[in-house]
Amino acid sequence: MEKLNSFKAYDIRGKVPTELNPDLAYKIGRAFSKYISAKKVIVGYDVRKSSLEISDALIKGLTDAGTNVINIGLCGTEMIYFSTPYLDADGGIMITASHNPPEYNGMKFVKRDSVPVGYDSGLNVIEKMILKNEIGEINSDKGSVEQIDIMEAFINNLSKFYDPHKIKPLKVVVNAGNGCAGLSINAIESRLPIKMIKVFNEPDSEFPNGVPNPLLIENRKPTIDAVLKNNADLGVAWDGDYDRCFFFDEKGSFIEGYYIVGLLAKSILKKFPGERIVHDPRLVWNTLDIVEKGKGVAVESKSGHAFIKQKMREVNSIYGGEMSAHHYFRDNAYSDSGMIPFLLIMQLISEDDQPLSEHVEGMIANFPCSGEINSTIADPAKKIEEIEKIYSDGKIERVDGLSVEYDNWRFNLRMSNTEPIIRLNVESKGDVLLMEEKTKKLLEHIRA
């Protein structure tokens, strides 16, 4: 079947205007409305130059189909996740390409109650409708458009996740990366007892300080420099649509998302022992250790927001975490948030009166990890088969990609959904040299 290049596993994403443009956005609006029989849909967008024209075309498609639209304007993805159930809408669409370069844009979709729509759960149907020109008739009774400022309600909703009275007057570097996070940072500032040191706080479609993606090592320097210069207690940086946040300790060290999953699980289980914690299969031992000590139940899920959210709903999990810095909360419509972890980590280090570095140093020592290492491979599926044969003496699992476990080390190898890339993660039990040695050997095999 013919395909549209911008339709990906979890969302729509592509270069503007070759892969995504107002004409396609209009058709998507018509098709989405027909697919979910929508009476009301929330629309929001990020700071990119193309976002407004794509938003206008999408809204026209929705209203031509007879759907009423609530336009919440410039926002973060989690504001769509919040406002869809809050405003009793049938669906929500966020126009964003997250951390992609400025020439890209995209869309993330949810149905009622912020249930995600991925390629296998509806985007494939919408793609087919567009390709076959089966997007429905223009409705003679056009839908209305209402503009609503949701920020205050969104910030109020965050208050159920943390207690500002338990947060000390910390000094915190906050780096919005010229994405949309600055809007929420400004809105919540007066409610927190902290001193914020703002870096690249203004939304800017040019991304003058680089694409807002703190996973890129070169993008971490401004946050690190600001932490050290200001003798800050903590550094936090967000991606473009701020559904992910990344942490730096008081020494300026970047903390792998894997250990933040452990910290959040520990913090949540302290208050709610016995709850289920969902995690991805890339790195697991630290999470399993913490959940067991916190008398919780660890549940493994395939990586990716659609799978994690589905698994959390299935098992009624209070929290789900991925090492990629996506953190999901049951009381947040099972959705990921970049603001809630920021608030929870500040409260955790305040309550324990312990710097972030001390919170994670035990985890890092007990379960050192390689971090995710990407390799471009001509035939990723074939390469994974080769690696499975080489390591066939280990305990093999295929929950997501290839996981192989030995007594004192393990690895996970998985393909990218969108590129000819293999992603490797290695961890060991308390042995940095073993982890490094096994990582090096695996990379030799992968890149041979």
Protein backbone atom coordinates (compact mmCIF):
# COMPACT_ATOMS: atom_id res chain seq x y z
CA MET A 1 0.00 0.00 0.00
CA GLU A 2 1.10 3.55 -0.72
CA LYS A 3 2.30 5.37 2.39
CA LEU A 4 2.63 8.92 3.66
CA ASN A 5 6.21 9.54 4.84
CA SER A 6 5.15 11.66 7.79
CA PHE A 7 3.03 8.91 9.43
CA LYS A 8 5.24 7.30 12.11
CA ALA A 9 4.77 4.67 14.82
CA TYR A 10 3.56 7.07 17.51
CA ASP A 11 2.74 10.32 15.72
CA ILE A 12 3.00 12.32 12.51
CA ARG A 13 6.35 13.95 11.88
CA GLY A 14 8.07 15.26 8.76
CA LYS A 15 9.79 18.08 6.91
CA VAL A 16 7.68 21.12 6.00
CA PRO A 17 6.40 21.47 3.29
CA THR A 18 7.51 18.26 1.50
CA GLU A 19 6.21 15.74 4.08
CA LEU A 20 3.76 17.87 6.08
CA ASN A 21 1.95 20.98 4.83
CA PRO A 22 -1.38 22.83 5.24
CA ASP A 23 -3.07 20.73 2.52
CA LEU A 24 -2.25 17.47 4.35
CA ALA A 25 -3.09 19.04 7.73
CA TYR A 26 -6.57 19.95 6.40
CA LYS A 27 -7.18 16.37 5.25
CA ILE A 28 -5.93 15.03 8.60
CA GLY A 29 -8.49 17.24 10.36
CA ARG A 30 -11.33 15.90 8.22
CA ALA A 31 -10.18 12.27 8.56
CA PHE A 32 -9.55 12.44 12.34
CA SER A 33 -12.99 13.93 12.89
CA LYS A 34 -14.63 11.15 10.87
CA TYR A 35 -12.51 8.40 12.46
CA ILE A 36 -13.44 9.23 16.07
CA SER A 37 -16.87 10.77 15.26
CA ALA A 38 -15.70 13.90 17.03
CA LYS A 39 -18.07 16.56 18.30
CA LYS A 40 -15.31 18.48 20.13
CA VAL A 41 -11.49 18.43 19.69
CA ILE A 42 -8.73 20.36 21.50
CA VAL A 43 -5.92 21.80 19.34
CA GLY A 44 -2.63 23.30 20.53
CA TYR A 45 0.76 23.97 18.94
CA ASP A 46 4.44 24.52 19.68
CA VAL A 47 6.67 27.46 18.80
CA ARG A 48 7.77 26.36 15.29
CA LYS A 49 7.39 28.79 12.39
CA SER A 50 5.10 26.42 10.49
CA SER A 51 2.86 25.63 13.49
CA LEU A 52 0.34 28.44 12.97
CA GLU A 53 -0.41 27.72 9.30
CA ILE A 54 -0.61 23.97 9.99
CA SER A 55 -2.88 24.67 12.98
CA ASP A 56 -5.17 26.91 10.89
CA ALA A 57 -5.46 24.25 8.16
CA LEU A 58 -6.06 21.44 10.69
CA ILE A 59 -8.77 23.48 12.44
CA LYS A 60 -10.45 24.23 9.08
CA GLY A 61 -10.46 20.49 8.33
CA LEU A 62 -12.02 19.72 11.71
CA THR A 63 -14.68 22.43 11.49
CA ASP A 64 -15.50 21.55 7.85
CA ALA A 65 -16.27 18.08 9.17
CA GLY A 66 -18.72 19.61 11.68
CA THR A 67 -16.42 19.34 14.72
CA ASN A 68 -16.23 22.11 17.31
CA VAL A 69 -12.64 23.10 18.12
CA ILE A 70 -11.18 24.51 21.31
CA ASN A 71 -7.89 26.19 20.40
CA ILE A 72 -5.60 26.42 23.45
CA GLY A 73 -2.85 28.10 21.40
CA LEU A 74 0.89 27.94 22.16
CA CYS A 75 1.38 25.16 24.73
CA GLY A 76 3.18 21.97 25.72
CA THR A 77 2.02 18.49 24.73
CA GLU A 78 1.02 17.65 28.30
CA MET A 79 -1.45 20.56 28.20
CA ILE A 80 -3.30 18.69 25.43
CA TYR A 81 -3.21 15.53 27.57
CA PHE A 82 -4.63 17.53 30.50
CA SER A 83 -7.23 19.60 28.66
CA THR A 84 -8.80 16.78 26.61
CA PRO A 85 -10.43 15.14 29.67
CA TYR A 86 -10.65 18.43 31.59
CA LEU A 87 -12.73 20.06 28.84
CA ASP A 88 -14.66 16.83 28.13
CA ALA A 89 -13.45 16.61 24.51
CA ASP A 90 -13.57 13.63 22.17
CA GLY A 91 -9.94 14.09 21.18
CA GLY A 92 -6.90 16.32 21.19
CA ILE A 93 -4.18 17.18 18.67
CA MET A 94 -0.82 18.76 19.50
CA ILE A 95 1.12 20.27 16.60
CA THR A 96 4.78 19.67 17.40
CA ALA A 97 7.95 18.01 16.18
CA SER A 98 9.32 17.96 19.75
CA HIS A 99 13.14 17.98 19.55
CA ASN A 100 13.47 17.71 15.75
CA PRO A 101 15.25 20.49 13.76
CA PRO A 102 13.30 23.70 12.95
CA GLU A 103 12.31 22.60 9.41
CA TYR A 104 10.23 19.73 10.84
CA ASN A 105 6.74 19.69 12.29
CA GLY A 106 4.25 17.02 13.30
CA MET A 107 1.16 16.06 15.29
CA LYS A 108 0.41 13.94 18.36
CA PHE A 109 -3.13 12.59 18.77
CA VAL A 110 -5.32 11.42 21.64
CA LYS A 111 -8.89 10.19 21.84
CA ARG A 112 -11.31 10.75 24.73
CA ASP A 113 -9.63 10.54 28.18
CA SER A 114 -6.28 11.16 26.42
CA VAL A 115 -5.98 7.58 25.14
CA PRO A 116 -3.13 7.79 22.59
CA VAL A 117 -3.61 7.24 18.86
CA GLY A 118 -0.55 5.64 17.27
CA TYR A 119 -0.03 4.04 13.89
CA ASP A 120 -1.39 0.66 15.02
CA SER A 121 -4.27 2.26 16.92
CA GLY A 122 -5.76 4.62 14.35
CA LEU A 123 -3.16 6.61 12.41
CA ASN A 124 -3.01 3.75 9.87
CA VAL A 125 -6.78 4.14 9.33
CA ILE A 126 -6.48 7.93 8.98
CA GLU A 127 -3.61 7.48 6.49
CA LYS A 128 -5.72 5.07 4.43
CA MET A 129 -8.70 7.45 4.49
CA ILE A 130 -6.53 10.26 3.12
CA LEU A 131 -4.87 8.11 0.43
CA LYS A 132 -8.24 6.80 -0.76
CA ASN A 133 -9.87 10.24 -0.46
CA GLU A 134 -12.43 8.86 2.00
CA ILE A 135 -12.24 11.75 4.47
CA GLY A 136 -15.98 12.36 4.53
CA GLU A 137 -18.22 15.09 3.20
CA ILE A 138 -17.93 18.75 4.13
CA ASN A 139 -20.62 19.25 6.76
CA SER A 140 -23.17 21.97 5.95
CA ASP A 141 -23.30 22.63 9.71
CA LYS A 142 -19.73 23.84 10.27
CA GLY A 143 -18.07 23.45 13.65
CA SER A 144 -17.22 26.44 15.85
CA VAL A 145 -13.80 27.60 17.08
CA GLU A 146 -13.32 28.81 20.65
CA GLN A 147 -10.03 30.08 22.07
CA ILE A 148 -9.40 29.18 25.71
CA ASP A 149 -6.43 29.98 27.96
CA ILE A 150 -5.95 26.76 29.90
CA MET A 151 -2.72 27.69 31.72
CA GLU A 152 -4.17 28.47 35.17
CA ALA A 153 -6.26 25.28 35.23
CA PHE A 154 -3.20 23.29 34.08
CA ILE A 155 -0.97 24.75 36.83
CA ASN A 156 -3.73 24.18 39.41
CA ASN A 157 -3.92 20.53 38.35
CA LEU A 158 -0.17 20.09 38.98
CA SER A 159 -0.72 20.99 42.65
CA LYS A 160 -2.20 17.54 43.37
CA PHE A 161 1.21 15.96 42.67
CA TYR A 162 3.39 17.97 45.07
CA ASP A 163 3.31 20.08 48.23
CA PRO A 164 5.03 23.50 47.82
CA HIS A 165 5.39 23.75 51.63
CA LYS A 166 7.70 20.73 51.55
CA ILE A 167 10.04 22.29 48.97
CA LYS A 168 12.98 24.21 50.41
CA PRO A 169 14.18 27.54 48.96
CA LEU A 170 16.41 25.80 46.45
CA LYS A 171 18.37 27.52 43.72
CA VAL A 172 17.33 25.83 40.45
CA VAL A 173 18.56 26.33 36.89
CA VAL A 174 15.63 25.92 34.46
CA ASN A 175 16.47 25.64 30.75
CA ALA A 176 13.48 25.78 28.38
CA GLY A 177 15.73 25.59 25.30
CA ASN A 178 13.64 28.35 23.62
CA GLY A 179 10.79 25.82 23.35
CA CYS A 180 7.40 26.16 25.07
CA ALA A 181 8.38 25.21 28.64
CA GLY A 182 9.13 28.83 29.56
CA LEU A 183 5.39 29.62 29.54
CA SER A 184 4.67 27.06 32.28
CA ILE A 185 7.86 27.92 34.17
CA ASN A 186 6.73 31.57 34.37
CA ALA A 187 3.19 30.56 35.39
CA ILE A 188 4.30 28.29 38.26
CA GLU A 189 7.19 30.45 39.51
CA SER A 190 5.18 32.46 42.06
CA ARG A 191 3.81 29.24 43.63
CA LEU A 192 7.24 27.79 44.39
CA PRO A 193 9.63 28.91 47.16
CA ILE A 194 12.66 28.41 44.89
CA LYS A 195 14.97 30.84 43.13
CA MET A 196 14.84 30.14 39.38
CA ILE A 197 17.85 30.84 37.18
CA LYS A 198 16.26 30.93 33.72
CA VAL A 199 18.21 29.84 30.63
CA PHE A 200 16.81 30.27 27.06
CA ASN A 201 13.39 30.82 28.62
CA GLU A 202 11.71 32.73 25.77
CA PRO A 203 9.96 30.65 23.06
CA ASP A 204 11.82 31.30 19.80
CA SER A 205 11.01 29.52 16.53
CA GLU A 206 14.58 30.09 15.28
CA PHE A 207 15.99 27.93 18.15
CA PRO A 208 19.02 30.29 18.29
CA ASN A 209 20.72 28.15 20.95
CA GLY A 210 20.27 24.83 19.17
CA VAL A 211 17.37 22.40 18.94
CA PRO A 212 15.83 21.87 22.40
CA ASN A 213 17.05 18.31 22.90
CA PRO A 214 19.04 17.82 26.14
CA LEU A 215 19.97 14.27 25.07
CA LEU A 216 22.50 15.85 22.69
CA ILE A 217 25.70 16.23 24.69
CA GLU A 218 26.50 19.61 23.10
CA ASN A 219 23.12 20.97 24.28
CA ARG A 220 23.83 20.20 27.94
CA LYS A 221 26.66 22.73 28.39
CA PRO A 222 24.53 25.85 29.02
CA THR A 223 22.65 24.09 31.85
CA ILE A 224 25.87 22.70 33.34
CA ASP A 225 27.60 26.10 33.12
CA ALA A 226 24.64 27.85 34.80
CA VAL A 227 24.51 25.27 37.62
CA LEU A 228 28.23 25.69 38.37
CA LYS A 229 28.31 29.49 37.94
CA ASN A 230 25.32 30.02 40.26
CA ASN A 231 26.21 27.27 42.74
CA ALA A 232 22.71 25.87 42.11
CA ASP A 233 21.13 22.89 43.88
CA LEU A 234 19.74 21.43 40.67
CA GLY A 235 19.51 21.90 36.91
CA VAL A 236 16.49 20.98 34.78
CA ALA A 237 16.23 21.15 30.97
CA TRP A 238 13.20 20.40 28.78
CA ASP A 239 12.72 19.35 25.17
CA GLY A 240 10.74 21.49 22.70
CA ASP A 241 7.19 20.45 23.67
CA TYR A 242 8.33 19.75 27.26
CA ASP A 243 6.77 16.34 27.71
CA ARG A 244 10.28 15.29 28.84
CA CYS A 245 12.63 16.89 31.37
CA PHE A 246 16.27 16.09 32.11
CA PHE A 247 18.15 16.55 35.38
CA PHE A 248 21.61 17.77 36.37
CA ASP A 249 22.90 17.47 39.93
CA GLU A 250 24.53 20.25 41.98
CA LYS A 251 27.94 19.29 40.52
CA GLY A 252 26.67 19.83 36.97
CA SER A 253 26.57 16.11 36.16
CA PHE A 254 23.85 14.93 33.76
CA ILE A 255 21.71 12.19 35.36
CA GLU A 256 20.66 9.35 33.05
CA GLY A 257 16.85 9.08 32.77
CA TYR A 258 17.13 5.47 34.01
CA TYR A 259 18.10 6.63 37.51
CA ILE A 260 15.37 9.30 37.55
CA VAL A 261 12.83 6.49 36.96
CA GLY A 262 14.26 4.82 40.07
CA LEU A 263 14.11 8.03 42.10
CA LEU A 264 10.50 8.76 41.14
CA ALA A 265 9.47 5.14 41.82
CA LYS A 266 11.13 5.37 45.26
CA SER A 267 9.44 8.69 46.03
CA ILE A 268 5.98 7.47 44.94
CA LEU A 269 6.21 4.08 46.71
CA LYS A 270 7.21 5.84 49.94
CA LYS A 271 3.76 7.47 49.91
CA PHE A 272 1.86 4.66 48.16
CA PRO A 273 3.44 1.27 49.02
CA GLY A 274 2.20 -1.77 47.12
CA GLU A 275 1.41 0.14 43.91
CA ARG A 276 2.39 -1.09 40.45
CA ILE A 277 5.26 0.61 38.63
CA VAL A 278 5.53 0.13 34.85
CA HIS A 279 8.98 0.29 33.22
CA ASP A 280 10.53 -0.33 29.82
CA PRO A 281 12.93 -3.26 29.10
CA ARG A 282 16.03 -1.31 28.03
CA LEU A 283 17.54 -0.95 31.52
CA VAL A 284 15.76 -2.69 34.39
CA TRP A 285 17.84 -3.87 37.36
CA ASN A 286 17.92 -0.59 39.31
CA THR A 287 14.15 -0.14 38.89
CA LEU A 288 13.44 -3.74 39.97
CA ASP A 289 15.66 -3.28 43.05
CA ILE A 290 13.96 -0.05 44.11
CA VAL A 291 10.41 -1.31 43.49
CA GLU A 292 11.11 -4.46 45.51
CA LYS A 293 12.56 -2.43 48.41
CA GLY A 294 9.56 -0.07 48.23
CA LYS A 295 7.18 -3.04 48.43
CA GLY A 296 5.76 -2.24 45.01
CA VAL A 297 5.09 -4.44 41.97
CA ALA A 298 7.25 -3.93 38.87
CA VAL A 299 5.55 -4.49 35.49
CA GLU A 300 7.55 -4.57 32.26
CA SER A 301 6.15 -3.03 29.07
CA LYS A 302 7.35 -2.53 25.53
CA SER A 303 8.97 0.92 25.08
CA GLY A 304 6.97 3.79 23.62
CA HIS A 305 4.23 5.95 25.06
CA ALA A 306 1.32 4.05 23.47
CA PHE A 307 2.50 0.74 24.97
CA ILE A 308 3.38 2.16 28.40
CA LYS A 309 0.03 3.96 28.72
CA GLN A 310 -1.88 0.86 27.63
CA LYS A 311 -0.01 -1.33 30.13
CA MET A 312 -0.57 1.21 32.93
CA ARG A 313 -4.30 1.21 32.25
CA GLU A 314 -4.36 -2.61 32.15
CA VAL A 315 -2.69 -3.01 35.56
CA ASN A 316 -3.89 0.27 37.15
CA SER A 317 -0.31 1.49 37.63
CA ILE A 318 0.31 4.71 39.58
CA TYR A 319 3.52 5.57 37.66
CA GLY A 320 5.36 4.47 34.54
CA GLY A 321 8.87 5.49 33.56
CA GLU A 322 11.11 5.14 30.52
CA MET A 323 14.85 5.72 30.50
CA SER A 324 14.22 8.14 27.59
CA ALA A 325 12.88 10.63 30.19
CA HIS A 326 9.17 10.00 29.61
CA HIS A 327 7.37 9.81 32.96
CA TYR A 328 3.68 8.81 33.13
CA PHE A 329 1.21 9.31 35.98
CA ARG A 330 -2.15 7.64 36.57
CA ASP A 331 -3.65 10.84 37.98
CA ASN A 332 -2.49 12.70 34.87
CA ALA A 333 -4.76 10.67 32.54
CA TYR A 334 -1.96 8.05 32.40
CA SER A 335 -0.02 10.61 30.36
CA ASP A 336 3.60 11.75 30.30
CA SER A 337 4.60 15.03 31.88
CA GLY A 338 7.71 17.18 31.93
CA MET A 339 6.50 19.36 34.79
CA ILE A 340 5.45 16.73 37.37
CA PRO A 341 8.94 15.08 37.62
CA PHE A 342 10.49 18.56 38.04
CA LEU A 343 8.20 19.21 41.03
CA LEU A 344 8.56 15.73 42.55
CA ILE A 345 12.37 15.69 42.40
CA MET A 346 12.57 19.12 44.06
CA GLN A 347 10.28 17.89 46.84
CA LEU A 348 12.26 14.66 47.22
CA ILE A 349 15.65 16.35 47.69
CA SER A 350 14.04 18.89 50.03
CA GLU A 351 12.33 16.30 52.24
CA ASP A 352 15.42 14.08 52.47
CA ASP A 353 17.71 17.10 52.87
CA GLN A 354 20.13 15.38 50.52
CA PRO A 355 21.59 16.68 47.26
CA LEU A 356 20.61 14.98 44.01
CA SER A 357 24.12 13.57 43.53
CA GLU A 358 23.82 11.60 46.79
CA HIS A 359 20.39 10.32 45.81
CA VAL A 360 21.70 8.73 42.63
CA GLU A 361 25.31 7.80 43.44
CA GLY A 362 24.27 4.52 45.10
CA MET A 363 22.11 3.59 42.12
CA ILE A 364 24.89 4.40 39.66
CA ALA A 365 27.40 2.35 41.69
CA ASN A 366 25.07 -0.62 42.12
CA PHE A 367 23.84 -0.69 38.50
CA PRO A 368 26.21 1.19 36.17
CA CYS A 369 24.88 1.58 32.62
CA SER A 370 26.18 2.55 29.20
CA GLY A 371 23.42 5.00 28.36
CA GLU A 372 21.78 4.52 24.96
CA ILE A 373 24.27 4.14 22.11
CA ASN A 374 23.02 4.42 18.52
CA SER A 375 24.59 2.72 15.50
CA THR A 376 23.50 3.23 11.88
CA ILE A 377 23.12 -0.21 10.27
CA ALA A 378 22.08 -1.14 6.71
CA ASP A 379 19.89 -4.08 7.84
CA PRO A 380 19.04 -3.69 11.56
CA ALA A 381 16.79 -6.81 11.75
CA LYS A 382 19.50 -9.05 10.29
CA LYS A 383 22.11 -7.56 12.64
CA ILE A 384 19.94 -8.29 15.70
CA GLU A 385 19.64 -11.92 14.54
CA GLU A 386 23.44 -12.13 14.30
CA ILE A 387 23.87 -10.74 17.83
CA GLU A 388 21.27 -13.17 19.20
CA LYS A 389 23.31 -16.12 17.84
CA ILE A 390 26.54 -14.76 19.37
CA TYR A 391 24.91 -14.37 22.81
CA SER A 392 22.62 -17.42 22.65
CA ASP A 393 24.05 -18.74 25.96
CA GLY A 394 22.31 -15.94 27.89
CA LYS A 395 18.69 -15.70 29.02
CA ILE A 396 16.87 -14.25 26.02
CA GLU A 397 13.70 -12.11 26.07
CA ARG A 398 11.93 -10.34 23.23
CA VAL A 399 9.51 -8.00 24.99
CA ASP A 400 11.01 -5.15 22.99
CA GLY A 401 13.87 -5.87 20.62
CA LEU A 402 16.42 -8.32 22.01
CA SER A 403 17.21 -8.50 25.74
CA VAL A 404 19.94 -10.90 26.90
CA GLU A 405 20.68 -11.44 30.58
CA TYR A 406 23.62 -13.06 32.39
CA ASP A 407 24.24 -13.32 36.15
CA ASN A 408 26.05 -9.98 36.47
CA TRP A 409 25.36 -8.08 33.23
CA ARG A 410 22.66 -7.69 30.60
CA PHE A 411 21.91 -5.76 27.42
CA ASN A 412 18.98 -4.67 25.26
CA LEU A 413 19.22 -4.07 21.52
CA ARG A 414 16.32 -2.59 19.59
CA MET A 415 15.60 -1.00 16.23
CA SER A 416 14.44 2.56 15.70
CA ASN A 417 10.87 2.85 14.38
CA THR A 418 11.83 5.56 11.93
CA GLU A 419 15.53 5.20 10.96
CA PRO A 420 18.03 2.43 10.07
CA ILE A 421 19.43 2.63 13.59
CA ILE A 422 20.09 0.08 16.34
CA ARG A 423 19.95 1.29 19.95
CA LEU A 424 22.11 -0.48 22.54
CA ASN A 425 21.84 -0.35 26.34
CA VAL A 426 24.14 -2.30 28.66
CA GLU A 427 24.13 -2.56 32.47
CA SER A 428 25.94 -4.59 35.10
CA LYS A 429 25.64 -5.38 38.78
CA GLY A 430 28.16 -3.12 40.48
CA ASP A 431 30.96 -3.55 37.93
CA VAL A 432 31.73 -0.50 35.77
CA LEU A 433 34.68 -2.16 34.03
CA LEU A 434 32.60 -5.22 33.09
CA MET A 435 29.85 -2.98 31.72
CA GLU A 436 32.37 -0.98 29.67
CA GLU A 437 34.10 -4.11 28.39
CA LYS A 438 30.83 -5.76 27.32
CA THR A 439 29.62 -2.51 25.70
CA LYS A 440 32.83 -2.25 23.68
CA LYS A 441 32.58 -5.89 22.55
CA LEU A 442 28.92 -5.55 21.55
CA LEU A 443 29.65 -2.39 19.55
CA GLU A 444 32.44 -4.25 17.70
CA HIS A 445 29.93 -6.95 16.71
CA ILE A 446 27.22 -4.42 15.82
CA ARG A 447 29.45 -2.20 13.71
CA ALA A 448 31.47 -4.98 12.07
